[in-house]
Amino acid sequence: MSILQSAEGTEIRIRSAVPTFLVDDVGGTARWYDEHLGFRTLGHFPEGEPRAYASLQRGGAEIMLLRLAGYRKPDAPLRPEGLWDAYIRTDGVGTFYETVAGRDFIHSPLVKRPYGDWEFEIRDPNGYVLVFGGDAGL
């Protein structure tokens, strides 16, 4: 039996990994991701505010938000290469960057890295840093 199969012979395939961010305001954060980055809320709980959970998606990327009342993300010491909470592989990253360039949430502008990817970083209202990277697509 391979580690890639169950005892019954069914193939086991991991499909994705989803970052989960602790936030004080799930509903407000979900609206920010929608308005600024084009993510859509796929599900949330409960129906009314304050929400305890939300799942956000844009294309193949998903982010989960969990409420922790009063939570503030601690500032972590930065390493020279940066500190990221999520890396999102993006087709047309240059075109996407053009839609957000000049906004106050841009943490690092679009640059070509030595390993060939074009990347830019944003910092969301809770302090999470997301990197969008891939081919420029300009």
Protein backbone atom coordinates (compact mmCIF):
# COMPACT_ATOMS: atom_id res chain seq x y z
CA MET A 1 0.00 0.00 0.00
CA SER A 2 1.33 3.42 -1.00
CA ILE A 3 0.99 6.51 1.16
CA LEU A 4 -0.99 7.93 -1.78
CA GLN A 5 -3.71 5.29 -1.45
CA SER A 6 -6.08 4.14 1.26
CA ALA A 7 -6.38 0.51 2.35
CA GLU A 8 -9.29 0.20 -0.12
CA GLY A 9 -7.07 1.41 -2.99
CA THR A 10 -8.68 4.86 -3.24
CA GLU A 11 -6.17 7.51 -4.27
CA ILE A 12 -5.62 10.23 -1.68
CA ARG A 13 -5.08 13.64 -3.23
CA ILE A 14 -4.60 16.88 -1.33
CA ARG A 15 -6.38 19.60 -3.31
CA SER A 16 -5.41 22.82 -1.58
CA ALA A 17 -4.23 24.56 1.55
CA VAL A 18 -6.23 27.51 2.85
CA PRO A 19 -4.75 30.23 5.08
CA THR A 20 -6.92 31.01 8.08
CA PHE A 21 -6.70 34.52 9.53
CA LEU A 22 -7.84 35.53 13.00
CA VAL A 23 -9.66 38.88 12.90
CA ASP A 24 -11.80 40.98 15.21
CA ASP A 25 -14.39 41.85 12.52
CA VAL A 26 -15.11 39.01 10.06
CA GLY A 27 -17.88 40.87 8.20
CA GLY A 28 -15.86 44.07 7.78
CA THR A 29 -12.78 42.17 6.67
CA ALA A 30 -14.80 40.14 4.14
CA ARG A 31 -16.24 43.36 2.70
CA TRP A 32 -12.72 44.84 2.43
CA TYR A 33 -11.46 41.80 0.48
CA ASP A 34 -14.47 42.09 -1.84
CA GLU A 35 -14.18 45.84 -2.44
CA HIS A 36 -10.39 46.04 -2.79
CA LEU A 37 -9.24 42.66 -4.11
CA GLY A 38 -12.32 41.14 -5.77
CA PHE A 39 -12.79 38.20 -3.40
CA ARG A 40 -16.32 36.90 -2.92
CA THR A 41 -17.77 35.51 0.30
CA LEU A 42 -18.70 31.87 -0.32
CA GLY A 43 -20.07 31.19 3.13
CA HIS A 44 -20.36 32.71 6.56
CA PHE A 45 -21.72 31.95 9.99
CA PRO A 46 -23.92 33.05 11.67
CA GLU A 47 -26.38 34.93 9.46
CA GLY A 48 -26.12 38.16 11.47
CA GLU A 49 -23.22 40.28 12.63
CA PRO A 50 -20.86 39.77 14.30
CA ARG A 51 -19.87 36.87 12.09
CA ALA A 52 -17.74 34.10 13.57
CA TYR A 53 -16.51 32.70 10.24
CA ALA A 54 -16.32 33.51 6.54
CA SER A 55 -14.80 31.81 3.55
CA LEU A 56 -13.55 34.12 0.78
CA GLN A 57 -12.61 33.09 -2.75
CA ARG A 58 -11.22 34.57 -5.92
CA GLY A 59 -10.44 32.08 -8.66
CA GLY A 60 -8.60 29.18 -7.08
CA ALA A 61 -7.54 31.13 -3.98
CA GLU A 62 -9.45 30.81 -0.73
CA ILE A 63 -8.98 32.55 2.61
CA MET A 64 -10.87 31.73 5.79
CA LEU A 65 -11.57 34.32 8.46
CA LEU A 66 -12.20 33.38 12.09
CA ARG A 67 -13.40 35.87 14.69
CA LEU A 68 -11.48 36.37 17.89
CA ALA A 69 -13.00 39.36 19.68
CA GLY A 70 -10.46 42.12 20.25
CA TYR A 71 -7.73 40.30 18.31
CA ARG A 72 -4.87 42.37 16.91
CA LYS A 73 -2.21 40.62 14.86
CA PRO A 74 1.13 41.11 16.59
CA ASP A 75 3.91 42.75 14.62
CA ALA A 76 6.51 40.13 13.81
CA PRO A 77 10.15 40.98 13.28
CA LEU A 78 10.78 41.22 9.54
CA ARG A 79 13.37 39.09 7.87
CA PRO A 80 15.27 40.72 4.98
CA GLU A 81 13.29 38.78 2.37
CA GLY A 82 9.94 39.81 3.84
CA LEU A 83 7.31 38.14 5.97
CA TRP A 84 4.22 36.74 4.26
CA ASP A 85 1.00 35.27 5.57
CA ALA A 86 -0.12 33.90 2.19
CA TYR A 87 1.36 33.56 -1.30
CA ILE A 88 -1.25 33.58 -4.05
CA ARG A 89 -0.16 32.33 -7.47
CA THR A 90 -1.77 34.59 -10.04
CA ASP A 91 -2.09 34.51 -13.83
CA GLY A 92 -1.83 38.07 -15.14
CA VAL A 93 -0.34 39.45 -11.92
CA GLY A 94 0.78 42.61 -13.76
CA THR A 95 -2.72 43.34 -14.96
CA PHE A 96 -4.08 42.71 -11.45
CA TYR A 97 -1.45 45.06 -10.02
CA GLU A 98 -2.57 47.82 -12.40
CA THR A 99 -6.04 47.66 -10.82
CA VAL A 100 -4.68 48.30 -7.31
CA ALA A 101 -1.51 50.36 -7.95
CA GLY A 102 -1.25 53.49 -5.83
CA ARG A 103 -3.65 52.24 -3.15
CA ASP A 104 -2.59 52.66 0.47
CA PHE A 105 -2.68 48.92 1.14
CA ILE A 106 0.17 48.19 -1.32
CA HIS A 107 3.04 46.96 0.85
CA SER A 108 5.53 46.36 -1.98
CA PRO A 109 5.10 47.30 -5.66
CA LEU A 110 5.24 44.89 -8.57
CA VAL A 111 8.82 43.71 -9.14
CA LYS A 112 10.48 40.87 -10.99
CA ARG A 113 12.27 38.59 -8.54
CA PRO A 114 15.60 36.87 -9.26
CA TYR A 115 13.77 33.53 -9.48
CA GLY A 116 11.64 34.85 -12.38
CA ASP A 117 8.27 35.59 -10.77
CA TRP A 118 6.67 39.00 -10.80
CA GLU A 119 5.28 39.80 -7.34
CA PHE A 120 3.61 42.51 -5.32
CA GLU A 121 2.54 42.55 -1.68
CA ILE A 122 -0.50 43.98 0.04
CA ARG A 123 -1.23 44.46 3.73
CA ASP A 124 -4.87 43.98 4.67
CA PRO A 125 -6.58 46.06 7.40
CA ASN A 126 -5.65 43.43 10.01
CA GLY A 127 -1.92 43.46 9.17
CA TYR A 128 -1.81 40.24 7.13
CA VAL A 129 0.62 40.38 4.20
CA LEU A 130 -0.42 38.65 1.00
CA VAL A 131 1.87 38.20 -2.00
CA PHE A 132 0.41 37.92 -5.48
CA GLY A 133 2.93 36.37 -7.85
CA GLY A 134 3.32 34.82 -11.27
CA ASP A 135 3.79 35.88 -14.88
CA ALA A 136 3.38 39.60 -15.48
CA GLY A 137 0.60 39.18 -18.04
CA LEU A 138 0.96 42.75 -19.28
